[in-house]
Structure formats: structure tokens, C-alpha cells
């Protein structure tokens, strides 16, 4: 019998889907890692404001140079970007189960 004959149209096929859900365990683990990187990046960006003295008091005449630290300007934004890259990779990664 021909594989593509007209009498086969509309009949259920013999192949059933093993897993109808797209994401597997590895996808979810990668998503959690990406979310952790994003949250860590935002936590590292937090800190004292520009007008907060080292003892924690607000003084409009004081300028805190700590807002331009390596942690806030370089490290934290790179962690946030890396987290979003991991999220995109986790979503696009094909489940091979």
C-alpha cells in the first residue's frame, strides 16, 4: 500500500507524541540559573545613594563616590545581561527527551 494514498487522509496516525510539553528539566534548570543571575545583578546594583554619608545619614553636601564602583557600573549590569542571555538560551534549547 502506498504511504501517501488518499484513503489515509483523516485517519489517526500510529505515531503518538511521547511528550507534548516543550520544556524539559534542563530547560527549567537553565531558566532558574538565568533568573538567579538577573536577581544577583540587581542586588549588586543596590546600595547607598549618592548623598548618603558612610554612617548612613542623608547629607545634601556630601557626594558618595561609591555609586561609581566596579560592582555597580560593570559587574552587576554584566550579570543581568548574562542572565537574560541564559534565559533566551533556556527557552530556545530543544528538549531531546
PDB file of N, CA and C in Angstrom:
ATOM      1  N   UNK A   1       0.836  -1.177   0.000  1.00  0.00           N
ATOM      2  CA  UNK A   1       0.000   0.000   0.000  1.00  0.00           C
ATOM      3  C   UNK A   1       0.883   1.243   0.000  1.00  0.00           C
ATOM      4  N   UNK A   2       0.484   2.229  -0.761  1.00  0.00           N
ATOM      5  CA  UNK A   2       1.253   3.475  -0.880  1.00  0.00           C
ATOM      6  C   UNK A   2       1.218   4.235   0.445  1.00  0.00           C
ATOM      7  N   UNK A   3       2.335   4.779   0.819  1.00  0.00           N
ATOM      8  CA  UNK A   3       2.433   5.518   2.086  1.00  0.00           C
ATOM      9  C   UNK A   3       1.578   6.777   2.069  1.00  0.00           C
ATOM     10  N   UNK A   4       1.408   7.392   0.920  1.00  0.00           N
ATOM     11  CA  UNK A   4       0.684   8.657   0.810  1.00  0.00           C
ATOM     12  C   UNK A   4      -0.610   8.503   0.019  1.00  0.00           C
ATOM     13  N   UNK A   5      -1.334   7.431   0.211  1.00  0.00           N
ATOM     14  CA  UNK A   5      -2.565   7.226  -0.553  1.00  0.00           C
ATOM     15  C   UNK A   5      -3.698   8.071   0.019  1.00  0.00           C
ATOM     16  N   UNK A   6      -4.722   8.311  -0.796  1.00  0.00           N
ATOM     17  CA  UNK A   6      -5.833   9.175  -0.424  1.00  0.00           C
ATOM     18  C   UNK A   6      -6.710   8.565   0.653  1.00  0.00           C
ATOM     19  N   UNK A   7      -6.729   7.234   0.758  1.00  0.00           N
ATOM     20  CA  UNK A   7      -7.582   6.621   1.775  1.00  0.00           C
ATOM     21  C   UNK A   7      -7.025   6.776   3.188  1.00  0.00           C
ATOM     22  N   UNK A   8      -5.813   7.282   3.323  1.00  0.00           N
ATOM     23  CA  UNK A   8      -5.208   7.520   4.637  1.00  0.00           C
ATOM     24  C   UNK A   8      -5.571   8.887   5.206  1.00  0.00           C
ATOM     25  N   UNK A   9      -6.141   9.771   4.414  1.00  0.00           N
ATOM     26  CA  UNK A   9      -6.433  11.130   4.855  1.00  0.00           C
ATOM     27  C   UNK A   9      -7.538  11.113   5.896  1.00  0.00           C
ATOM     28  N   UNK A  10      -7.304  11.771   7.006  1.00  0.00           N
ATOM     29  CA  UNK A  10      -8.302  11.889   8.047  1.00  0.00           C
ATOM     30  C   UNK A  10      -8.243  10.791   9.093  1.00  0.00           C
ATOM     31  N   UNK A  11      -7.463   9.745   8.863  1.00  0.00           N
ATOM     32  CA  UNK A  11      -7.351   8.666   9.839  1.00  0.00           C
ATOM     33  C   UNK A  11      -6.240   9.004  10.836  1.00  0.00           C
ATOM     34  N   UNK A  12      -6.401   8.588  12.079  1.00  0.00           N
ATOM     35  CA  UNK A  12      -5.346   8.867  13.062  1.00  0.00           C
ATOM     36  C   UNK A  12      -4.075   8.104  12.712  1.00  0.00           C
ATOM     37  N   UNK A  13      -2.966   8.751  12.939  1.00  0.00           N
ATOM     38  CA  UNK A  13      -1.680   8.117  12.657  1.00  0.00           C
ATOM     39  C   UNK A  13      -1.281   7.218  13.819  1.00  0.00           C
ATOM     40  N   UNK A  14      -0.380   6.312  13.559  1.00  0.00           N
ATOM     41  CA  UNK A  14       0.060   5.368  14.574  1.00  0.00           C
ATOM     42  C   UNK A  14       1.102   5.964  15.510  1.00  0.00           C
ATOM     43  N   UNK A  15       1.755   7.009  15.101  1.00  0.00           N
ATOM     44  CA  UNK A  15       2.786   7.603  15.942  1.00  0.00           C
ATOM     45  C   UNK A  15       2.144   8.579  16.914  1.00  0.00           C
ATOM     46  N   UNK A  16       2.327   8.346  18.164  1.00  0.00           N
ATOM     47  CA  UNK A  16       1.797   9.237  19.205  1.00  0.00           C
ATOM     48  C   UNK A  16       2.957  10.043  19.786  1.00  0.00           C
ATOM     49  N   UNK A  17       2.640  11.236  20.177  1.00  0.00           N
ATOM     50  CA  UNK A  17       3.685  12.076  20.761  1.00  0.00           C
ATOM     51  C   UNK A  17       4.039  11.556  22.137  1.00  0.00           C
ATOM     52  N   UNK A  18       5.331  11.426  22.391  1.00  0.00           N
ATOM     53  CA  UNK A  18       5.793  10.936  23.680  1.00  0.00           C
ATOM     54  C   UNK A  18       5.620  11.984  24.769  1.00  0.00           C
ATOM     55  N   UNK A  19       5.993  13.214  24.453  1.00  0.00           N
ATOM     56  CA  UNK A  19       5.908  14.293  25.435  1.00  0.00           C
ATOM     57  C   UNK A  19       5.368  15.522  24.720  1.00  0.00           C
ATOM     58  N   UNK A  20       4.203  15.969  25.117  1.00  0.00           N
ATOM     59  CA  UNK A  20       3.580  17.107  24.453  1.00  0.00           C
ATOM     60  C   UNK A  20       4.117  18.435  24.973  1.00  0.00           C
ATOM     61  N   UNK A  21       4.800  18.433  26.123  1.00  0.00           N
ATOM     62  CA  UNK A  21       5.297  19.676  26.698  1.00  0.00           C
ATOM     63  C   UNK A  21       6.675  19.988  26.131  1.00  0.00           C
ATOM     64  N   UNK A  22       6.900  21.229  25.744  1.00  0.00           N
ATOM     65  CA  UNK A  22       8.143  21.591  25.052  1.00  0.00           C
ATOM     66  C   UNK A  22       9.351  21.614  25.979  1.00  0.00           C
ATOM     67  N   UNK A  23       9.180  22.140  27.196  1.00  0.00           N
ATOM     68  CA  UNK A  23      10.325  22.310  28.095  1.00  0.00           C
ATOM     69  C   UNK A  23      10.569  21.056  28.917  1.00  0.00           C
ATOM     70  N   UNK A  24      11.849  20.736  29.079  1.00  0.00           N
ATOM     71  CA  UNK A  24      12.243  19.610  29.929  1.00  0.00           C
ATOM     72  C   UNK A  24      12.889  20.112  31.205  1.00  0.00           C
ATOM     73  N   UNK A  25      13.408  19.189  31.991  1.00  0.00           N
ATOM     74  CA  UNK A  25      14.040  19.559  33.259  1.00  0.00           C
ATOM     75  C   UNK A  25      15.246  20.465  33.060  1.00  0.00           C
ATOM     76  N   UNK A  26      16.025  20.196  32.020  1.00  0.00           N
ATOM     77  CA  UNK A  26      17.215  21.015  31.774  1.00  0.00           C
ATOM     78  C   UNK A  26      16.831  22.457  31.422  1.00  0.00           C
ATOM     79  N   UNK A  27      15.746  22.625  30.691  1.00  0.00           N
ATOM     80  CA  UNK A  27      15.273  23.973  30.361  1.00  0.00           C
ATOM     81  C   UNK A  27      14.913  24.738  31.626  1.00  0.00           C
ATOM     82  N   UNK A  28      14.201  24.062  32.538  1.00  0.00           N
ATOM     83  CA  UNK A  28      13.801  24.737  33.767  1.00  0.00           C
ATOM     84  C   UNK A  28      15.003  25.061  34.652  1.00  0.00           C
ATOM     85  N   UNK A  29      15.990  24.182  34.689  1.00  0.00           N
ATOM     86  CA  UNK A  29      17.200  24.463  35.466  1.00  0.00           C
ATOM     87  C   UNK A  29      17.935  25.673  34.903  1.00  0.00           C
ATOM     88  N   UNK A  30      18.034  25.737  33.576  1.00  0.00           N
ATOM     89  CA  UNK A  30      18.689  26.892  32.957  1.00  0.00           C
ATOM     90  C   UNK A  30      17.905  28.178  33.205  1.00  0.00           C
ATOM     91  N   UNK A  31      16.576  28.087  33.190  1.00  0.00           N
ATOM     92  CA  UNK A  31      15.762  29.270  33.477  1.00  0.00           C
ATOM     93  C   UNK A  31      15.971  29.754  34.900  1.00  0.00           C
ATOM     94  N   UNK A  32      16.077  28.824  35.846  1.00  0.00           N
ATOM     95  CA  UNK A  32      16.329  29.210  37.237  1.00  0.00           C
ATOM     96  C   UNK A  32      17.722  29.826  37.403  1.00  0.00           C
ATOM     97  N   UNK A  33      18.697  29.291  36.696  1.00  0.00           N
ATOM     98  CA  UNK A  33      20.046  29.869  36.744  1.00  0.00           C
ATOM     99  C   UNK A  33      20.024  31.281  36.172  1.00  0.00           C
ATOM    100  N   UNK A  34      19.344  31.474  35.055  1.00  0.00           N
ATOM    101  CA  UNK A  34      19.231  32.806  34.457  1.00  0.00           C
ATOM    102  C   UNK A  34      18.523  33.781  35.377  1.00  0.00           C
ATOM    103  N   UNK A  35      17.447  33.336  36.012  1.00  0.00           N
ATOM    104  CA  UNK A  35      16.729  34.192  36.953  1.00  0.00           C
ATOM    105  C   UNK A  35      17.609  34.549  38.144  1.00  0.00           C
ATOM    106  N   UNK A  36      18.394  33.590  38.617  1.00  0.00           N
ATOM    107  CA  UNK A  36      19.325  33.855  39.719  1.00  0.00           C
ATOM    108  C   UNK A  36      20.373  34.889  39.335  1.00  0.00           C
ATOM    109  N   UNK A  37      20.903  34.801  38.114  1.00  0.00           N
ATOM    110  CA  UNK A  37      21.884  35.787  37.658  1.00  0.00           C
ATOM    111  C   UNK A  37      21.277  37.180  37.570  1.00  0.00           C
ATOM    112  N   UNK A  38      20.054  37.264  37.077  1.00  0.00           N
ATOM    113  CA  UNK A  38      19.376  38.562  36.968  1.00  0.00           C
ATOM    114  C   UNK A  38      19.158  39.157  38.357  1.00  0.00           C
ATOM    115  N   UNK A  39      18.644  38.347  39.275  1.00  0.00           N
ATOM    116  CA  UNK A  39      18.405  38.841  40.637  1.00  0.00           C
ATOM    117  C   UNK A  39      19.701  39.240  41.325  1.00  0.00           C
ATOM    118  N   UNK A  40      20.764  38.449  41.169  1.00  0.00           N
ATOM    119  CA  UNK A  40      22.050  38.783  41.762  1.00  0.00           C
ATOM    120  C   UNK A  40      22.581  40.100  41.201  1.00  0.00           C
ATOM    121  N   UNK A  41      22.414  40.305  39.904  1.00  0.00           N
ATOM    122  CA  UNK A  41      22.853  41.558  39.297  1.00  0.00           C
ATOM    123  C   UNK A  41      22.120  42.761  39.871  1.00  0.00           C
ATOM    124  N   UNK A  42      20.809  42.646  40.044  1.00  0.00           N
ATOM    125  CA  UNK A  42      20.050  43.769  40.600  1.00  0.00           C
ATOM    126  C   UNK A  42      20.381  43.994  42.068  1.00  0.00           C
ATOM    127  N   UNK A  43      20.639  42.934  42.820  1.00  0.00           N
ATOM    128  CA  UNK A  43      21.027  43.098  44.226  1.00  0.00           C
ATOM    129  C   UNK A  43      22.380  43.788  44.319  1.00  0.00           C
ATOM    130  N   UNK A  44      23.307  43.439  43.426  1.00  0.00           N
ATOM    131  CA  UNK A  44      24.629  44.082  43.450  1.00  0.00           C
ATOM    132  C   UNK A  44      24.564  45.553  43.040  1.00  0.00           C
ATOM    133  N   UNK A  45      23.547  45.933  42.285  1.00  0.00           N
ATOM    134  CA  UNK A  45      23.394  47.347  41.921  1.00  0.00           C
ATOM    135  C   UNK A  45      22.880  48.186  43.073  1.00  0.00           C
ATOM    136  N   UNK A  46      22.236  47.558  44.044  1.00  0.00           N
ATOM    137  CA  UNK A  46      21.679  48.316  45.161  1.00  0.00           C
ATOM    138  C   UNK A  46      22.778  48.819  46.084  1.00  0.00           C
ATOM    139  N   UNK A  47      22.442  49.786  46.887  1.00  0.00           N
ATOM    140  CA  UNK A  47      23.386  50.318  47.857  1.00  0.00           C
ATOM    141  C   UNK A  47      23.012  51.726  48.246  1.00  0.00           C
ATOM    142  N   UNK A  48      23.921  52.371  48.907  1.00  0.00           N
ATOM    143  CA  UNK A  48      23.672  53.734  49.377  1.00  0.00           C
ATOM    144  C   UNK A  48      23.529  54.698  48.206  1.00  0.00           C
ATOM    145  N   UNK A  49      22.718  55.728  48.418  1.00  0.00           N
ATOM    146  CA  UNK A  49      22.517  56.742  47.393  1.00  0.00           C
ATOM    147  C   UNK A  49      23.732  57.652  47.287  1.00  0.00           C
ATOM    148  N   UNK A  50      23.678  58.576  46.350  1.00  0.00           N
ATOM    149  CA  UNK A  50      24.807  59.471  46.110  1.00  0.00           C
ATOM    150  C   UNK A  50      25.026  60.442  47.260  1.00  0.00           C
ATOM    151  N   UNK A  51      23.976  60.767  47.999  1.00  0.00           N
ATOM    152  CA  UNK A  51      24.096  61.739  49.081  1.00  0.00           C
ATOM    153  C   UNK A  51      24.041  61.105  50.469  1.00  0.00           C
ATOM    154  N   UNK A  52      24.333  59.836  50.572  1.00  0.00           N
ATOM    155  CA  UNK A  52      24.330  59.168  51.867  1.00  0.00           C
ATOM    156  C   UNK A  52      25.750  59.081  52.390  1.00  0.00           C
ATOM    157  N   UNK A  53      25.944  59.530  53.607  1.00  0.00           N
ATOM    158  CA  UNK A  53      27.273  59.504  54.229  1.00  0.00           C
ATOM    159  C   UNK A  53      27.615  58.074  54.613  1.00  0.00           C
ATOM    160  N   UNK A  54      28.890  57.792  54.912  1.00  0.00           N
ATOM    161  CA  UNK A  54      29.276  56.427  55.294  1.00  0.00           C
ATOM    162  C   UNK A  54      28.553  55.916  56.544  1.00  0.00           C
ATOM    163  N   UNK A  55      28.102  56.813  57.424  1.00  0.00           N
ATOM    164  CA  UNK A  55      27.366  56.342  58.602  1.00  0.00           C
ATOM    165  C   UNK A  55      25.872  56.196  58.323  1.00  0.00           C
ATOM    166  N   UNK A  56      25.404  56.387  57.074  1.00  0.00           N
ATOM    167  CA  UNK A  56      24.032  56.113  56.690  1.00  0.00           C
ATOM    168  C   UNK A  56      23.089  57.298  56.747  1.00  0.00           C
ATOM    169  N   UNK A  57      23.595  58.495  56.992  1.00  0.00           N
ATOM    170  CA  UNK A  57      22.730  59.674  57.089  1.00  0.00           C
ATOM    171  C   UNK A  57      22.708  60.422  55.761  1.00  0.00           C
ATOM    172  N   UNK A  58      21.582  61.042  55.465  1.00  0.00           N
ATOM    173  CA  UNK A  58      21.444  61.824  54.241  1.00  0.00           C
ATOM    174  C   UNK A  58      22.035  63.208  54.463  1.00  0.00           C
ATOM    175  N   UNK A  59      22.937  63.619  53.580  1.00  0.00           N
ATOM    176  CA  UNK A  59      23.559  64.943  53.647  1.00  0.00           C
ATOM    177  C   UNK A  59      23.660  65.479  52.231  1.00  0.00           C
ATOM    178  N   UNK A  60      22.921  66.544  51.893  1.00  0.00           N
ATOM    179  CA  UNK A  60      22.966  67.062  50.518  1.00  0.00           C
ATOM    180  C   UNK A  60      24.326  67.650  50.151  1.00  0.00           C
ATOM    181  N   UNK A  61      25.179  67.929  51.126  1.00  0.00           N
ATOM    182  CA  UNK A  61      26.511  68.482  50.852  1.00  0.00           C
ATOM    183  C   UNK A  61      27.571  67.394  50.683  1.00  0.00           C
ATOM    184  N   UNK A  62      27.209  66.147  50.847  1.00  0.00           N
ATOM    185  CA  UNK A  62      28.158  65.037  50.744  1.00  0.00           C
ATOM    186  C   UNK A  62      27.931  64.298  49.429  1.00  0.00           C
ATOM    187  N   UNK A  63      29.014  63.931  48.736  1.00  0.00           N
ATOM    188  CA  UNK A  63      28.932  63.167  47.494  1.00  0.00           C
ATOM    189  C   UNK A  63      29.614  61.825  47.693  1.00  0.00           C
ATOM    190  N   UNK A  64      28.853  60.756  47.548  1.00  0.00           N
ATOM    191  CA  UNK A  64      29.363  59.407  47.750  1.00  0.00           C
ATOM    192  C   UNK A  64      29.889  58.870  46.421  1.00  0.00           C
ATOM    193  N   UNK A  65      31.189  58.681  46.327  1.00  0.00           N
ATOM    194  CA  UNK A  65      31.809  58.169  45.095  1.00  0.00           C
ATOM    195  C   UNK A  65      31.578  56.673  44.904  1.00  0.00           C
ATOM    196  N   UNK A  66      31.015  56.026  45.905  1.00  0.00           N
ATOM    197  CA  UNK A  66      30.782  54.583  45.825  1.00  0.00           C
ATOM    198  C   UNK A  66      29.738  54.214  44.763  1.00  0.00           C
ATOM    199  N   UNK A  67      28.951  55.178  44.301  1.00  0.00           N
ATOM    200  CA  UNK A  67      27.970  54.857  43.264  1.00  0.00           C
ATOM    201  C   UNK A  67      28.637  54.550  41.923  1.00  0.00           C
ATOM    202  N   UNK A  68      29.901  54.912  41.781  1.00  0.00           N
ATOM    203  CA  UNK A  68      30.642  54.627  40.544  1.00  0.00           C
ATOM    204  C   UNK A  68      31.603  53.460  40.714  1.00  0.00           C
ATOM    205  N   UNK A  69      31.312  52.551  41.626  1.00  0.00           N
ATOM    206  CA  UNK A  69      32.224  51.430  41.880  1.00  0.00           C
ATOM    207  C   UNK A  69      32.142  50.405  40.745  1.00  0.00           C
ATOM    208  N   UNK A  70      33.148  49.567  40.677  1.00  0.00           N
ATOM    209  CA  UNK A  70      33.211  48.497  39.679  1.00  0.00           C
ATOM    210  C   UNK A  70      32.000  47.574  39.806  1.00  0.00           C
ATOM    211  N   UNK A  71      31.592  47.316  41.023  1.00  0.00           N
ATOM    212  CA  UNK A  71      30.464  46.412  41.278  1.00  0.00           C
ATOM    213  C   UNK A  71      29.180  46.939  40.652  1.00  0.00           C
ATOM    214  N   UNK A  72      28.914  48.229  40.806  1.00  0.00           N
ATOM    215  CA  UNK A  72      27.652  48.798  40.310  1.00  0.00           C
ATOM    216  C   UNK A  72      27.680  49.132  38.824  1.00  0.00           C
ATOM    217  N   UNK A  73      28.820  49.539  38.314  1.00  0.00           N
ATOM    218  CA  UNK A  73      28.905  50.012  36.930  1.00  0.00           C
ATOM    219  C   UNK A  73      29.235  48.886  35.947  1.00  0.00           C
ATOM    220  N   UNK A  74      30.048  47.929  36.344  1.00  0.00           N
ATOM    221  CA  UNK A  74      30.495  46.885  35.407  1.00  0.00           C
ATOM    222  C   UNK A  74      29.923  45.507  35.725  1.00  0.00           C
ATOM    223  N   UNK A  75      30.138  45.056  36.945  1.00  0.00           N
ATOM    224  CA  UNK A  75      29.805  43.674  37.304  1.00  0.00           C
ATOM    225  C   UNK A  75      28.300  43.409  37.298  1.00  0.00           C
ATOM    226  N   UNK A  76      27.535  44.233  37.985  1.00  0.00           N
ATOM    227  CA  UNK A  76      26.096  43.999  38.103  1.00  0.00           C
ATOM    228  C   UNK A  76      25.373  44.047  36.755  1.00  0.00           C
ATOM    229  N   UNK A  77      25.607  45.038  35.907  1.00  0.00           N
ATOM    230  CA  UNK A  77      24.930  45.014  34.597  1.00  0.00           C
ATOM    231  C   UNK A  77      25.330  43.825  33.729  1.00  0.00           C
ATOM    232  N   UNK A  78      26.585  43.390  33.820  1.00  0.00           N
ATOM    233  CA  UNK A  78      27.013  42.220  33.046  1.00  0.00           C
ATOM    234  C   UNK A  78      26.313  40.950  33.539  1.00  0.00           C
ATOM    235  N   UNK A  79      26.091  40.849  34.856  1.00  0.00           N
ATOM    236  CA  UNK A  79      25.361  39.699  35.378  1.00  0.00           C
ATOM    237  C   UNK A  79      23.903  39.710  34.904  1.00  0.00           C
ATOM    238  N   UNK A  80      23.299  40.882  34.857  1.00  0.00           N
ATOM    239  CA  UNK A  80      21.916  40.983  34.376  1.00  0.00           C
ATOM    240  C   UNK A  80      21.841  40.593  32.903  1.00  0.00           C
ATOM    241  N   UNK A  81      22.752  41.079  32.098  1.00  0.00           N
ATOM    242  CA  UNK A  81      22.772  40.732  30.674  1.00  0.00           C
ATOM    243  C   UNK A  81      23.024  39.235  30.492  1.00  0.00           C
ATOM    244  N   UNK A  82      23.969  38.686  31.256  1.00  0.00           N
ATOM    245  CA  UNK A  82      24.246  37.245  31.177  1.00  0.00           C
ATOM    246  C   UNK A  82      23.011  36.439  31.575  1.00  0.00           C
ATOM    247  N   UNK A  83      22.276  36.912  32.561  1.00  0.00           N
ATOM    248  CA  UNK A  83      21.054  36.230  32.968  1.00  0.00           C
ATOM    249  C   UNK A  83      20.019  36.210  31.866  1.00  0.00           C
ATOM    250  N   UNK A  84      19.868  37.322  31.162  1.00  0.00           N
ATOM    251  CA  UNK A  84      18.912  37.358  30.056  1.00  0.00           C
ATOM    252  C   UNK A  84      19.374  36.476  28.894  1.00  0.00           C
ATOM    253  N   UNK A  85      20.670  36.398  28.651  1.00  0.00           N
ATOM    254  CA  UNK A  85      21.183  35.510  27.602  1.00  0.00           C
ATOM    255  C   UNK A  85      20.899  34.057  27.962  1.00  0.00           C
ATOM    256  N   UNK A  86      21.111  33.697  29.230  1.00  0.00           N
ATOM    257  CA  UNK A  86      20.812  32.335  29.676  1.00  0.00           C
ATOM    258  C   UNK A  86      19.317  32.047  29.546  1.00  0.00           C
ATOM    259  N   UNK A  87      18.474  33.027  29.839  1.00  0.00           N
ATOM    260  CA  UNK A  87      17.028  32.842  29.700  1.00  0.00           C
ATOM    261  C   UNK A  87      16.649  32.558  28.242  1.00  0.00           C
ATOM    262  N   UNK A  88      17.200  33.324  27.335  1.00  0.00           N
ATOM    263  CA  UNK A  88      16.898  33.109  25.909  1.00  0.00           C
ATOM    264  C   UNK A  88      17.378  31.733  25.473  1.00  0.00           C
ATOM    265  N   UNK A  89      18.580  31.345  25.907  1.00  0.00           N
ATOM    266  CA  UNK A  89      19.110  30.032  25.559  1.00  0.00           C
ATOM    267  C   UNK A  89      18.228  28.924  26.137  1.00  0.00           C
ATOM    268  N   UNK A  90      17.769  29.105  27.379  1.00  0.00           N
ATOM    269  CA  UNK A  90      16.922  28.084  28.022  1.00  0.00           C
ATOM    270  C   UNK A  90      15.594  27.936  27.286  1.00  0.00           C
ATOM    271  N   UNK A  91      15.060  29.028  26.802  1.00  0.00           N
ATOM    272  CA  UNK A  91      13.780  28.960  26.075  1.00  0.00           C
ATOM    273  C   UNK A  91      13.959  28.322  24.702  1.00  0.00           C
ATOM    274  N   UNK A  92      15.039  28.639  24.028  1.00  0.00           N
ATOM    275  CA  UNK A  92      15.244  28.140  22.664  1.00  0.00           C
ATOM    276  C   UNK A  92      15.865  26.752  22.605  1.00  0.00           C
ATOM    277  N   UNK A  93      16.415  26.260  23.714  1.00  0.00           N
ATOM    278  CA  UNK A  93      17.057  24.946  23.714  1.00  0.00           C
ATOM    279  C   UNK A  93      16.012  23.867  23.482  1.00  0.00           C
ATOM    280  N   UNK A  94      16.298  22.997  22.549  1.00  0.00           N
ATOM    281  CA  UNK A  94      15.365  21.934  22.192  1.00  0.00           C
ATOM    282  C   UNK A  94      15.464  20.786  23.205  1.00  0.00           C
ATOM    283  N   UNK A  95      14.320  20.284  23.604  1.00  0.00           N
ATOM    284  CA  UNK A  95      14.240  19.168  24.523  1.00  0.00           C
ATOM    285  C   UNK A  95      14.419  17.886  23.730  1.00  0.00           C
ATOM    286  N   UNK A  96      15.449  17.088  24.024  1.00  0.00           N
ATOM    287  CA  UNK A  96      15.736  15.885  23.247  1.00  0.00           C
ATOM    288  C   UNK A  96      15.290  14.614  23.948  1.00  0.00           C
ATOM    289  N   UNK A  97      14.377  14.716  24.892  1.00  0.00           N
ATOM    290  CA  UNK A  97      13.900  13.522  25.593  1.00  0.00           C
ATOM    291  C   UNK A  97      12.961  12.711  24.748  1.00  0.00           C
TER     292      UNK A  97
END
